[in-house]
Amino acid sequence: MRERDGRPSSPSHSPLGVLSCSRRGSTWVVTLGGDLGPEALAGVSRRLDDVLDDGRTIVMDTRSVTSADPAMLGLLMRLQEEAPLYVAAPSAPVRELLETAGPHTSVRTVASLGEALDALGSGAS
């Protein structure tokens, strides 16, 4: 279910791992949380495929991610090839995953969701 009016998607319609998904101007904001193991990542990937169909920039807020499977790195790299991507507020497990990947991995990270939205001109409102 795509949200076109900026309202977060209903938790009952969000796959495991996706806390919310909404549009802010020309940007999709996808908030992830919890344990992003293989099952959760499969659901996240399906939800992000819907977002990618819209062709907009994606800001992925990961501050509530408590565990990140290494497959998340592959998902981020695939997303980055298909749309502009920012990882906002990376939690400790997400930062560790990105650091482990090394310098050949260039996923854009920013300290906060507000910083990402400001950089994109989407505002934090």
Foldseek 3Di string as FASTA:
>chain_A
DAEDPFDWDDPVPQAQQWPTWGDQVQEIETEGAEACDPRRVVRVLVVVVVVLVSQGEYEYEAQHHPAHDLCVLVSQVVVVVRHHYEYEQHHPRRVVSQVVVPDVRDHHYDDHPQVVCVVVVRHPD
